[in-house]
Amino acid sequence: MFLVIEGDNGTGKDTLAQGLEKYGFKILTYDKRVKEFEKVARQGTGEEKTKRFLAYGKACSDFVSESKKKNENVILIRYWISTLAAAYADGVYDYEKISDIIDTIYPKLEKPDMLLRLNCNFNERVQRIQNRKSANFDDVTKTRAEKYEWISSKIKAKTDFKWNEIDTSNKSIEEVCQEALEAIGINKGTLGGDER
């Protein structure tokens, strides 16, 4: 199974991915080769950064193809969806450009079996970002958050794979993980996720 976890910064993507590891998922995002592509992508700004992250998305797609041949269950934390959502929210591209890019890249990249899109109350999300004191986060204004949400819904409408929305506000990792497992169809009592 190829699972993508999406959502704006502070929604709990990494935490959920780590919670799903014990059910037989490999977090492809943490693979050394993927981290190298991500490092290069983060060096740019504006349109250059968006293009680099789209190249990162292509590399991730290639690694997913390799994993499928080995029958591995893999998770990507962020994919091209968040790249385009951030590009719109940050004013790099308008909707027309985003739509054109989707039409170009979508047929060429591996499609997830499921996308788990995490949402969180704005104030709680900002608090989480501030608590982790990371240098790697975007503008945390409400305007940007609203733009990110709007474009995410437009991107969803242009795809044909299964999306599941999970609100992580005021929930423990156990509660969020349980919702994710139910969406995926994994029996929580079955280690490795063999029972579906």
N, C-alpha and C. Protein backbone atom coordinates (compact mmCIF):
# COMPACT_ATOMS: atom_id res chain seq x y z
N MET A 1 0.84 -1.19 0.00
CA MET A 1 0.00 0.00 0.00
C MET A 1 0.87 1.24 0.00
N PHE A 2 0.48 2.23 -0.80
CA PHE A 2 1.16 3.52 -0.84
C PHE A 2 0.25 4.55 -0.19
N LEU A 3 0.69 5.04 0.96
CA LEU A 3 -0.09 5.98 1.75
C LEU A 3 0.62 7.33 1.80
N VAL A 4 -0.13 8.41 1.57
CA VAL A 4 0.41 9.76 1.68
C VAL A 4 -0.27 10.44 2.86
N ILE A 5 0.52 11.12 3.68
CA ILE A 5 -0.02 11.94 4.77
C ILE A 5 0.27 13.39 4.43
N GLU A 6 -0.79 14.16 4.30
CA GLU A 6 -0.68 15.57 3.96
C GLU A 6 -1.29 16.44 5.05
N GLY A 7 -1.08 17.73 4.94
CA GLY A 7 -1.62 18.68 5.89
C GLY A 7 -0.62 19.80 6.09
N ASP A 8 -1.10 20.93 6.52
CA ASP A 8 -0.24 22.08 6.74
C ASP A 8 0.69 21.79 7.93
N ASN A 9 1.68 22.65 8.11
CA ASN A 9 2.61 22.48 9.22
C ASN A 9 1.87 22.46 10.56
N GLY A 10 2.31 21.56 11.44
CA GLY A 10 1.74 21.48 12.77
C GLY A 10 0.48 20.64 12.89
N THR A 11 0.10 19.95 11.84
CA THR A 11 -1.12 19.14 11.91
C THR A 11 -0.86 17.73 12.46
N GLY A 12 0.42 17.31 12.52
CA GLY A 12 0.75 16.02 13.13
C GLY A 12 1.14 14.93 12.14
N LYS A 13 1.66 15.30 10.99
CA LYS A 13 1.98 14.31 9.95
C LYS A 13 3.05 13.32 10.38
N ASP A 14 4.19 13.84 10.85
CA ASP A 14 5.29 12.95 11.26
C ASP A 14 4.87 12.07 12.43
N THR A 15 4.15 12.65 13.37
CA THR A 15 3.71 11.90 14.55
C THR A 15 2.81 10.73 14.14
N LEU A 16 1.89 10.99 13.21
CA LEU A 16 1.01 9.92 12.73
C LEU A 16 1.81 8.86 11.98
N ALA A 17 2.70 9.29 11.09
CA ALA A 17 3.49 8.32 10.33
C ALA A 17 4.26 7.40 11.27
N GLN A 18 4.86 7.97 12.30
CA GLN A 18 5.61 7.15 13.26
C GLN A 18 4.68 6.20 14.01
N GLY A 19 3.47 6.63 14.27
CA GLY A 19 2.50 5.76 14.92
C GLY A 19 2.07 4.59 14.04
N LEU A 20 2.14 4.78 12.71
CA LEU A 20 1.71 3.72 11.78
C LEU A 20 2.84 2.74 11.44
N GLU A 21 4.06 3.07 11.81
CA GLU A 21 5.19 2.18 11.49
C GLU A 21 4.99 0.77 12.03
N LYS A 22 4.45 0.66 13.24
CA LYS A 22 4.31 -0.67 13.85
C LYS A 22 3.25 -1.52 13.16
N TYR A 23 2.52 -0.94 12.22
CA TYR A 23 1.52 -1.70 11.45
C TYR A 23 2.05 -2.08 10.08
N GLY A 24 3.36 -2.10 9.96
CA GLY A 24 3.97 -2.62 8.74
C GLY A 24 4.30 -1.59 7.68
N PHE A 25 4.25 -0.31 8.03
CA PHE A 25 4.57 0.74 7.06
C PHE A 25 6.02 1.21 7.21
N LYS A 26 6.64 1.42 6.08
CA LYS A 26 7.98 2.02 6.04
C LYS A 26 7.79 3.49 5.69
N ILE A 27 8.41 4.39 6.46
CA ILE A 27 8.29 5.82 6.17
C ILE A 27 9.36 6.18 5.14
N LEU A 28 8.96 6.22 3.90
CA LEU A 28 9.87 6.48 2.80
C LEU A 28 10.51 7.87 2.91
N THR A 29 9.82 8.81 3.49
CA THR A 29 10.32 10.17 3.65
C THR A 29 11.62 10.20 4.45
N TYR A 30 11.82 9.22 5.33
CA TYR A 30 13.02 9.18 6.16
C TYR A 30 14.19 8.43 5.51
N ASP A 31 13.96 7.86 4.33
CA ASP A 31 15.02 7.17 3.60
C ASP A 31 16.13 8.17 3.27
N LYS A 32 17.37 7.73 3.40
CA LYS A 32 18.52 8.61 3.17
C LYS A 32 18.48 9.27 1.79
N ARG A 33 18.10 8.51 0.77
CA ARG A 33 18.06 9.06 -0.60
C ARG A 33 17.00 10.16 -0.71
N VAL A 34 15.85 9.94 -0.08
CA VAL A 34 14.77 10.93 -0.11
C VAL A 34 15.19 12.19 0.63
N LYS A 35 15.86 12.01 1.78
CA LYS A 35 16.32 13.15 2.57
C LYS A 35 17.30 14.02 1.78
N GLU A 36 18.11 13.39 0.95
CA GLU A 36 19.07 14.15 0.13
C GLU A 36 18.32 15.03 -0.88
N PHE A 37 17.28 14.48 -1.52
CA PHE A 37 16.48 15.27 -2.46
C PHE A 37 15.77 16.42 -1.73
N GLU A 38 15.29 16.14 -0.53
CA GLU A 38 14.61 17.18 0.24
C GLU A 38 15.57 18.31 0.62
N LYS A 39 16.78 17.94 0.99
CA LYS A 39 17.79 18.93 1.37
C LYS A 39 18.06 19.89 0.21
N VAL A 40 18.18 19.36 -0.98
CA VAL A 40 18.41 20.19 -2.17
C VAL A 40 17.20 21.09 -2.41
N ALA A 41 16.00 20.55 -2.29
CA ALA A 41 14.78 21.32 -2.55
C ALA A 41 14.65 22.50 -1.58
N ARG A 42 15.04 22.33 -0.35
CA ARG A 42 14.90 23.38 0.66
C ARG A 42 15.84 24.56 0.42
N GLN A 43 16.82 24.40 -0.44
CA GLN A 43 17.81 25.46 -0.67
C GLN A 43 17.26 26.60 -1.53
N GLY A 44 16.19 26.37 -2.24
CA GLY A 44 15.65 27.41 -3.11
C GLY A 44 14.66 28.32 -2.41
N THR A 45 14.20 29.31 -3.16
CA THR A 45 13.14 30.21 -2.68
C THR A 45 12.16 30.44 -3.83
N GLY A 46 10.93 30.82 -3.49
CA GLY A 46 9.94 31.18 -4.49
C GLY A 46 9.70 30.10 -5.53
N GLU A 47 9.68 30.50 -6.80
CA GLU A 47 9.42 29.56 -7.89
C GLU A 47 10.50 28.49 -7.99
N GLU A 48 11.74 28.89 -7.74
CA GLU A 48 12.85 27.92 -7.79
C GLU A 48 12.63 26.81 -6.76
N LYS A 49 12.21 27.20 -5.55
CA LYS A 49 11.96 26.21 -4.49
C LYS A 49 10.81 25.29 -4.89
N THR A 50 9.76 25.86 -5.47
CA THR A 50 8.62 25.04 -5.90
C THR A 50 9.06 24.02 -6.95
N LYS A 51 9.85 24.46 -7.91
CA LYS A 51 10.33 23.54 -8.96
C LYS A 51 11.21 22.44 -8.36
N ARG A 52 12.03 22.81 -7.38
CA ARG A 52 12.88 21.81 -6.75
C ARG A 52 12.05 20.80 -5.97
N PHE A 53 11.00 21.28 -5.31
CA PHE A 53 10.14 20.35 -4.57
C PHE A 53 9.31 19.48 -5.52
N LEU A 54 8.98 19.98 -6.69
CA LEU A 54 8.30 19.13 -7.68
C LEU A 54 9.25 18.03 -8.17
N ALA A 55 10.54 18.37 -8.32
CA ALA A 55 11.55 17.37 -8.67
C ALA A 55 11.69 16.35 -7.53
N TYR A 56 11.61 16.84 -6.30
CA TYR A 56 11.62 15.95 -5.13
C TYR A 56 10.43 15.00 -5.20
N GLY A 57 9.25 15.53 -5.57
CA GLY A 57 8.05 14.70 -5.70
C GLY A 57 8.23 13.61 -6.75
N LYS A 58 8.90 13.95 -7.85
CA LYS A 58 9.17 12.96 -8.91
C LYS A 58 10.09 11.87 -8.38
N ALA A 59 11.13 12.28 -7.64
CA ALA A 59 12.05 11.30 -7.06
C ALA A 59 11.30 10.39 -6.09
N CYS A 60 10.43 10.96 -5.26
CA CYS A 60 9.64 10.16 -4.33
C CYS A 60 8.78 9.15 -5.09
N SER A 61 8.18 9.60 -6.19
CA SER A 61 7.37 8.71 -7.01
C SER A 61 8.19 7.52 -7.52
N ASP A 62 9.42 7.79 -7.94
CA ASP A 62 10.31 6.73 -8.41
C ASP A 62 10.63 5.74 -7.29
N PHE A 63 10.87 6.27 -6.08
CA PHE A 63 11.17 5.39 -4.94
C PHE A 63 9.95 4.56 -4.56
N VAL A 64 8.76 5.15 -4.69
CA VAL A 64 7.53 4.40 -4.43
C VAL A 64 7.41 3.25 -5.43
N SER A 65 7.73 3.51 -6.69
CA SER A 65 7.69 2.45 -7.71
C SER A 65 8.60 1.29 -7.32
N GLU A 66 9.79 1.60 -6.83
CA GLU A 66 10.72 0.55 -6.37
C GLU A 66 10.10 -0.25 -5.23
N SER A 67 9.49 0.45 -4.29
CA SER A 67 8.89 -0.20 -3.12
C SER A 67 7.73 -1.10 -3.51
N LYS A 68 6.95 -0.67 -4.49
CA LYS A 68 5.81 -1.48 -4.96
C LYS A 68 6.30 -2.82 -5.51
N LYS A 69 7.43 -2.81 -6.20
CA LYS A 69 7.98 -4.05 -6.75
C LYS A 69 8.37 -5.02 -5.65
N LYS A 70 8.67 -4.48 -4.46
CA LYS A 70 9.05 -5.31 -3.31
C LYS A 70 7.85 -5.60 -2.40
N ASN A 71 6.67 -5.16 -2.83
CA ASN A 71 5.44 -5.33 -2.03
C ASN A 71 5.54 -4.70 -0.64
N GLU A 72 6.22 -3.56 -0.55
CA GLU A 72 6.34 -2.85 0.72
C GLU A 72 5.17 -1.88 0.90
N ASN A 73 4.74 -1.74 2.14
CA ASN A 73 3.76 -0.72 2.50
C ASN A 73 4.54 0.53 2.88
N VAL A 74 4.34 1.61 2.13
CA VAL A 74 5.15 2.81 2.36
C VAL A 74 4.29 4.04 2.61
N ILE A 75 4.88 4.96 3.38
CA ILE A 75 4.25 6.24 3.67
C ILE A 75 5.15 7.35 3.15
N LEU A 76 4.55 8.31 2.49
CA LEU A 76 5.23 9.57 2.18
C LEU A 76 4.57 10.65 3.02
N ILE A 77 5.38 11.39 3.75
CA ILE A 77 4.88 12.54 4.49
C ILE A 77 5.09 13.74 3.57
N ARG A 78 4.03 14.21 3.02
CA ARG A 78 4.01 15.26 1.99
C ARG A 78 4.44 14.69 0.64
N TYR A 79 3.77 15.20 -0.38
CA TYR A 79 4.03 14.76 -1.75
C TYR A 79 3.86 16.01 -2.60
N TRP A 80 3.60 15.88 -3.85
CA TRP A 80 3.45 17.06 -4.71
C TRP A 80 2.24 17.91 -4.33
N ILE A 81 1.27 17.32 -3.65
CA ILE A 81 0.05 18.04 -3.26
C ILE A 81 0.41 19.21 -2.35
N SER A 82 1.22 18.96 -1.33
CA SER A 82 1.59 20.04 -0.41
C SER A 82 2.53 21.04 -1.06
N THR A 83 3.33 20.59 -2.02
CA THR A 83 4.19 21.52 -2.75
C THR A 83 3.35 22.57 -3.46
N LEU A 84 2.31 22.12 -4.15
CA LEU A 84 1.46 23.05 -4.89
C LEU A 84 0.57 23.87 -3.96
N ALA A 85 0.11 23.27 -2.87
CA ALA A 85 -0.70 24.02 -1.91
C ALA A 85 0.11 25.16 -1.30
N ALA A 86 1.37 24.87 -0.95
CA ALA A 86 2.24 25.91 -0.39
C ALA A 86 2.57 26.98 -1.43
N ALA A 87 2.77 26.56 -2.68
CA ALA A 87 3.08 27.53 -3.74
C ALA A 87 1.93 28.52 -3.92
N TYR A 88 0.72 28.03 -3.83
CA TYR A 88 -0.44 28.93 -3.95
C TYR A 88 -0.58 29.80 -2.70
N ALA A 89 -0.50 29.17 -1.52
CA ALA A 89 -0.69 29.90 -0.27
C ALA A 89 0.37 30.99 -0.07
N ASP A 90 1.56 30.74 -0.61
CA ASP A 90 2.66 31.70 -0.48
C ASP A 90 2.74 32.69 -1.64
N GLY A 91 1.78 32.62 -2.56
CA GLY A 91 1.73 33.57 -3.66
C GLY A 91 2.74 33.33 -4.77
N VAL A 92 3.30 32.13 -4.84
CA VAL A 92 4.26 31.81 -5.89
C VAL A 92 3.53 31.59 -7.22
N TYR A 93 2.41 30.84 -7.19
CA TYR A 93 1.61 30.56 -8.38
C TYR A 93 0.15 30.86 -8.11
N ASP A 94 -0.57 31.25 -9.17
CA ASP A 94 -2.02 31.43 -9.05
C ASP A 94 -2.71 30.10 -9.35
N TYR A 95 -4.03 30.08 -9.20
CA TYR A 95 -4.76 28.82 -9.37
C TYR A 95 -4.61 28.25 -10.78
N GLU A 96 -4.63 29.11 -11.77
CA GLU A 96 -4.51 28.63 -13.16
C GLU A 96 -3.19 27.89 -13.37
N LYS A 97 -2.10 28.44 -12.85
CA LYS A 97 -0.79 27.79 -12.98
C LYS A 97 -0.76 26.46 -12.21
N ILE A 98 -1.33 26.46 -11.01
CA ILE A 98 -1.40 25.22 -10.22
C ILE A 98 -2.16 24.15 -11.00
N SER A 99 -3.29 24.55 -11.57
CA SER A 99 -4.12 23.62 -12.34
C SER A 99 -3.37 23.05 -13.54
N ASP A 100 -2.62 23.91 -14.24
CA ASP A 100 -1.82 23.46 -15.39
C ASP A 100 -0.75 22.46 -14.96
N ILE A 101 -0.10 22.73 -13.83
CA ILE A 101 0.95 21.82 -13.34
C ILE A 101 0.35 20.46 -12.99
N ILE A 102 -0.80 20.47 -12.33
CA ILE A 102 -1.45 19.20 -11.98
C ILE A 102 -1.76 18.40 -13.24
N ASP A 103 -2.31 19.07 -14.24
CA ASP A 103 -2.64 18.38 -15.49
C ASP A 103 -1.41 17.76 -16.14
N THR A 104 -0.25 18.40 -15.96
CA THR A 104 0.99 17.91 -16.56
C THR A 104 1.60 16.76 -15.76
N ILE A 105 1.67 16.91 -14.44
CA ILE A 105 2.41 15.92 -13.65
C ILE A 105 1.56 14.75 -13.15
N TYR A 106 0.28 14.98 -12.95
CA TYR A 106 -0.56 13.96 -12.32
C TYR A 106 -0.52 12.60 -13.03
N PRO A 107 -0.62 12.57 -14.36
CA PRO A 107 -0.61 11.26 -15.03
C PRO A 107 0.75 10.53 -14.94
N LYS A 108 1.82 11.27 -14.61
CA LYS A 108 3.17 10.70 -14.65
C LYS A 108 3.67 10.18 -13.31
N LEU A 109 3.00 10.53 -12.21
CA LEU A 109 3.49 10.18 -10.89
C LEU A 109 2.65 9.07 -10.25
N GLU A 110 3.30 8.31 -9.37
CA GLU A 110 2.59 7.25 -8.65
C GLU A 110 1.44 7.85 -7.85
N LYS A 111 0.30 7.22 -7.95
CA LYS A 111 -0.89 7.69 -7.22
C LYS A 111 -1.02 6.90 -5.92
N PRO A 112 -1.25 7.60 -4.82
CA PRO A 112 -1.41 6.87 -3.56
C PRO A 112 -2.68 6.03 -3.54
N ASP A 113 -2.63 4.94 -2.81
CA ASP A 113 -3.85 4.16 -2.59
C ASP A 113 -4.80 4.94 -1.69
N MET A 114 -4.22 5.78 -0.84
CA MET A 114 -5.02 6.63 0.03
C MET A 114 -4.18 7.83 0.47
N LEU A 115 -4.87 8.95 0.61
CA LEU A 115 -4.26 10.14 1.16
C LEU A 115 -4.98 10.49 2.46
N LEU A 116 -4.23 10.59 3.54
CA LEU A 116 -4.78 11.04 4.81
C LEU A 116 -4.43 12.52 4.94
N ARG A 117 -5.43 13.36 4.92
CA ARG A 117 -5.20 14.80 5.02
C ARG A 117 -5.56 15.26 6.42
N LEU A 118 -4.54 15.74 7.14
CA LEU A 118 -4.72 16.15 8.51
C LEU A 118 -5.06 17.64 8.59
N ASN A 119 -5.99 17.96 9.45
CA ASN A 119 -6.38 19.34 9.72
C ASN A 119 -6.27 19.55 11.22
N CYS A 120 -6.16 20.80 11.61
CA CYS A 120 -6.07 21.12 13.03
C CYS A 120 -6.56 22.54 13.25
N ASN A 121 -7.18 22.77 14.39
CA ASN A 121 -7.59 24.10 14.78
C ASN A 121 -6.40 25.06 14.61
N PHE A 122 -6.65 26.24 14.03
CA PHE A 122 -5.57 27.17 13.69
C PHE A 122 -4.70 27.50 14.89
N ASN A 123 -5.29 27.88 16.00
CA ASN A 123 -4.50 28.29 17.17
C ASN A 123 -3.67 27.14 17.73
N GLU A 124 -4.25 25.95 17.76
CA GLU A 124 -3.50 24.79 18.25
C GLU A 124 -2.34 24.45 17.31
N ARG A 125 -2.61 24.57 16.01
CA ARG A 125 -1.56 24.29 15.02
C ARG A 125 -0.38 25.25 15.18
N VAL A 126 -0.66 26.53 15.33
CA VAL A 126 0.40 27.53 15.50
C VAL A 126 1.17 27.25 16.79
N GLN A 127 0.47 26.88 17.84
CA GLN A 127 1.13 26.56 19.12
C GLN A 127 2.07 25.37 18.95
N ARG A 128 1.64 24.36 18.22
CA ARG A 128 2.49 23.19 17.98
C ARG A 128 3.76 23.60 17.24
N ILE A 129 3.62 24.46 16.24
CA ILE A 129 4.77 24.92 15.46
C ILE A 129 5.75 25.68 16.36
N GLN A 130 5.22 26.55 17.18
CA GLN A 130 6.07 27.33 18.08
C GLN A 130 6.76 26.44 19.11
N ASN A 131 6.07 25.42 19.58
CA ASN A 131 6.65 24.51 20.58
C ASN A 131 7.83 23.72 20.05
N ARG A 132 7.83 23.40 18.77
CA ARG A 132 8.93 22.59 18.25
C ARG A 132 10.13 23.42 17.83
N LYS A 133 9.98 24.73 17.78
CA LYS A 133 11.10 25.66 17.54
C LYS A 133 11.93 25.28 16.31
N SER A 134 11.26 24.90 15.26
CA SER A 134 11.93 24.51 14.02
C SER A 134 12.08 25.72 13.10
N ALA A 135 13.17 25.74 12.35
CA ALA A 135 13.37 26.81 11.38
C ALA A 135 12.64 26.52 10.08
N ASN A 136 12.17 25.26 9.91
CA ASN A 136 11.55 24.84 8.65
C ASN A 136 10.03 24.91 8.70
N PHE A 137 9.47 26.11 8.74
CA PHE A 137 8.03 26.24 8.61
C PHE A 137 7.69 27.53 7.90
N ASP A 138 6.50 27.55 7.35
CA ASP A 138 6.07 28.69 6.56
C ASP A 138 5.37 29.73 7.42
N ASP A 139 4.96 30.78 6.77
CA ASP A 139 4.15 31.83 7.38
C ASP A 139 2.98 31.19 8.13
N VAL A 140 2.74 31.62 9.35
CA VAL A 140 1.67 31.02 10.15
C VAL A 140 0.47 31.95 10.31
N THR A 141 0.27 32.87 9.36
CA THR A 141 -0.89 33.76 9.46
C THR A 141 -2.17 33.01 9.08
N LYS A 142 -3.28 33.53 9.57
CA LYS A 142 -4.58 32.93 9.28
C LYS A 142 -4.89 33.02 7.78
N THR A 143 -4.48 34.12 7.14
CA THR A 143 -4.72 34.28 5.70
C THR A 143 -4.05 33.17 4.91
N ARG A 144 -2.79 32.87 5.25
CA ARG A 144 -2.09 31.80 4.54
C ARG A 144 -2.78 30.46 4.79
N ALA A 145 -3.20 30.22 6.02
CA ALA A 145 -3.87 28.96 6.35
C ALA A 145 -5.15 28.80 5.53
N GLU A 146 -5.90 29.88 5.38
CA GLU A 146 -7.15 29.82 4.60
C GLU A 146 -6.86 29.57 3.12
N LYS A 147 -5.82 30.18 2.60
CA LYS A 147 -5.44 29.94 1.20
C LYS A 147 -4.99 28.49 1.00
N TYR A 148 -4.24 27.97 1.98
CA TYR A 148 -3.77 26.59 1.91
C TYR A 148 -4.95 25.62 1.90
N GLU A 149 -5.94 25.88 2.75
CA GLU A 149 -7.13 25.03 2.80
C GLU A 149 -7.92 25.10 1.49
N TRP A 150 -8.08 26.31 0.97
CA TRP A 150 -8.86 26.50 -0.26
C TRP A 150 -8.23 25.75 -1.43
N ILE A 151 -6.93 25.94 -1.63
CA ILE A 151 -6.28 25.29 -2.77
C ILE A 151 -6.22 23.77 -2.58
N SER A 152 -6.10 23.31 -1.34
CA SER A 152 -6.10 21.86 -1.09
C SER A 152 -7.41 21.23 -1.56
N SER A 153 -8.53 21.93 -1.32
CA SER A 153 -9.82 21.39 -1.76
C SER A 153 -9.92 21.37 -3.28
N LYS A 154 -9.32 22.35 -3.94
CA LYS A 154 -9.31 22.39 -5.41
C LYS A 154 -8.43 21.27 -5.97
N ILE A 155 -7.29 21.03 -5.32
CA ILE A 155 -6.41 19.94 -5.77
C ILE A 155 -7.13 18.60 -5.59
N LYS A 156 -7.80 18.43 -4.47
CA LYS A 156 -8.54 17.19 -4.22
C LYS A 156 -9.54 16.93 -5.34
N ALA A 157 -10.22 17.97 -5.79
CA ALA A 157 -11.24 17.82 -6.84
C ALA A 157 -10.63 17.38 -8.18
N LYS A 158 -9.34 17.62 -8.36
CA LYS A 158 -8.68 17.26 -9.62
C LYS A 158 -8.03 15.87 -9.58
N THR A 159 -8.16 15.17 -8.46
CA THR A 159 -7.53 13.85 -8.34
C THR A 159 -8.60 12.76 -8.27
N ASP A 160 -8.18 11.53 -8.52
CA ASP A 160 -9.14 10.42 -8.48
C ASP A 160 -8.73 9.34 -7.49
N PHE A 161 -7.89 9.69 -6.53
CA PHE A 161 -7.57 8.72 -5.48
C PHE A 161 -8.32 9.09 -4.21
N LYS A 162 -8.34 8.14 -3.27
CA LYS A 162 -9.15 8.30 -2.06
C LYS A 162 -8.48 9.24 -1.05
N TRP A 163 -9.23 10.27 -0.62
CA TRP A 163 -8.79 11.19 0.41
C TRP A 163 -9.61 10.94 1.66
N ASN A 164 -8.97 10.96 2.80
CA ASN A 164 -9.66 10.90 4.09
C ASN A 164 -9.17 12.07 4.94
N GLU A 165 -10.11 12.83 5.45
CA GLU A 165 -9.79 13.98 6.29
C GLU A 165 -9.80 13.54 7.75
N ILE A 166 -8.77 13.93 8.49
CA ILE A 166 -8.71 13.65 9.92
C ILE A 166 -8.39 14.95 10.65
N ASP A 167 -9.27 15.33 11.57
CA ASP A 167 -9.03 16.52 12.38
C ASP A 167 -8.25 16.08 13.61
N THR A 168 -7.04 16.63 13.78
CA THR A 168 -6.17 16.22 14.89
C THR A 168 -6.32 17.15 16.11
N SER A 169 -7.19 18.13 16.03
CA SER A 169 -7.36 19.09 17.13
C SER A 169 -7.76 18.38 18.42
N ASN A 170 -7.06 18.71 19.49
CA ASN A 170 -7.39 18.21 20.84
C ASN A 170 -7.46 16.68 20.91
N LYS A 171 -6.67 15.99 20.08
CA LYS A 171 -6.68 14.52 20.09
C LYS A 171 -5.30 14.00 20.40
N SER A 172 -5.27 12.87 21.06
CA SER A 172 -3.99 12.20 21.34
C SER A 172 -3.52 11.50 20.06
N ILE A 173 -2.25 11.13 20.03
CA ILE A 173 -1.73 10.39 18.88
C ILE A 173 -2.46 9.06 18.75
N GLU A 174 -2.83 8.45 19.88
CA GLU A 174 -3.55 7.18 19.82
C GLU A 174 -4.90 7.34 19.12
N GLU A 175 -5.59 8.44 19.42
CA GLU A 175 -6.90 8.68 18.79
C GLU A 175 -6.74 8.94 17.29
N VAL A 176 -5.74 9.73 16.93
CA VAL A 176 -5.52 10.03 15.51
C VAL A 176 -5.10 8.77 14.77
N CYS A 177 -4.22 7.99 15.38
CA CYS A 177 -3.76 6.73 14.77
C CYS A 177 -4.93 5.78 14.56
N GLN A 178 -5.83 5.69 15.55
CA GLN A 178 -7.00 4.82 15.42
C GLN A 178 -7.88 5.25 14.25
N GLU A 179 -8.10 6.55 14.10
CA GLU A 179 -8.89 7.04 12.96
C GLU A 179 -8.23 6.68 11.64
N ALA A 180 -6.89 6.84 11.59
CA ALA A 180 -6.16 6.50 10.37
C ALA A 180 -6.26 5.02 10.05
N LEU A 181 -6.10 4.18 11.06
CA LEU A 181 -6.19 2.73 10.86
C LEU A 181 -7.57 2.33 10.35
N GLU A 182 -8.60 2.94 10.91
CA GLU A 182 -9.96 2.65 10.45
C GLU A 182 -10.15 3.07 8.99
N ALA A 183 -9.60 4.23 8.64
CA ALA A 183 -9.71 4.70 7.24
C ALA A 183 -8.98 3.75 6.29
N ILE A 184 -7.81 3.29 6.71
CA ILE A 184 -7.01 2.39 5.88
C ILE A 184 -7.62 0.99 5.82
N GLY A 185 -8.29 0.60 6.90
CA GLY A 185 -8.88 -0.73 6.96
C GLY A 185 -8.00 -1.75 7.64
N ILE A 186 -7.20 -1.27 8.59
CA ILE A 186 -6.31 -2.17 9.34
C ILE A 186 -6.90 -2.40 10.72
N ASN A 187 -6.94 -3.67 11.11
CA ASN A 187 -7.38 -4.03 12.45
C ASN A 187 -6.25 -3.70 13.42
N LYS A 188 -6.52 -2.80 14.38
CA LYS A 188 -5.49 -2.33 15.31
C LYS A 188 -4.84 -3.47 16.08
N GLY A 189 -5.53 -4.56 16.28
CA GLY A 189 -4.97 -5.67 17.03
C GLY A 189 -4.02 -6.54 16.22
N THR A 190 -3.87 -6.25 14.94
CA THR A 190 -3.05 -7.09 14.08
C THR A 190 -1.75 -6.37 13.75
N LEU A 191 -0.67 -6.76 14.35
CA LEU A 191 0.64 -6.17 14.09
C LEU A 191 1.04 -6.48 12.66
N GLY A 192 1.53 -5.47 11.97
CA GLY A 192 1.97 -5.65 10.59
C GLY A 192 0.87 -5.38 9.59
N GLY A 193 -0.35 -5.21 10.04
CA GLY A 193 -1.43 -4.83 9.13
C GLY A 193 -1.85 -5.90 8.17
N ASP A 194 -1.72 -7.18 8.56
CA ASP A 194 -2.09 -8.26 7.65
C ASP A 194 -3.59 -8.42 7.50
N GLU A 195 -4.35 -8.06 8.50
CA GLU A 195 -5.78 -8.26 8.43
C GLU A 195 -6.46 -6.99 7.91
N ARG A 196 -7.09 -7.10 6.76
CA ARG A 196 -7.73 -5.93 6.13
C ARG A 196 -9.15 -6.26 5.79
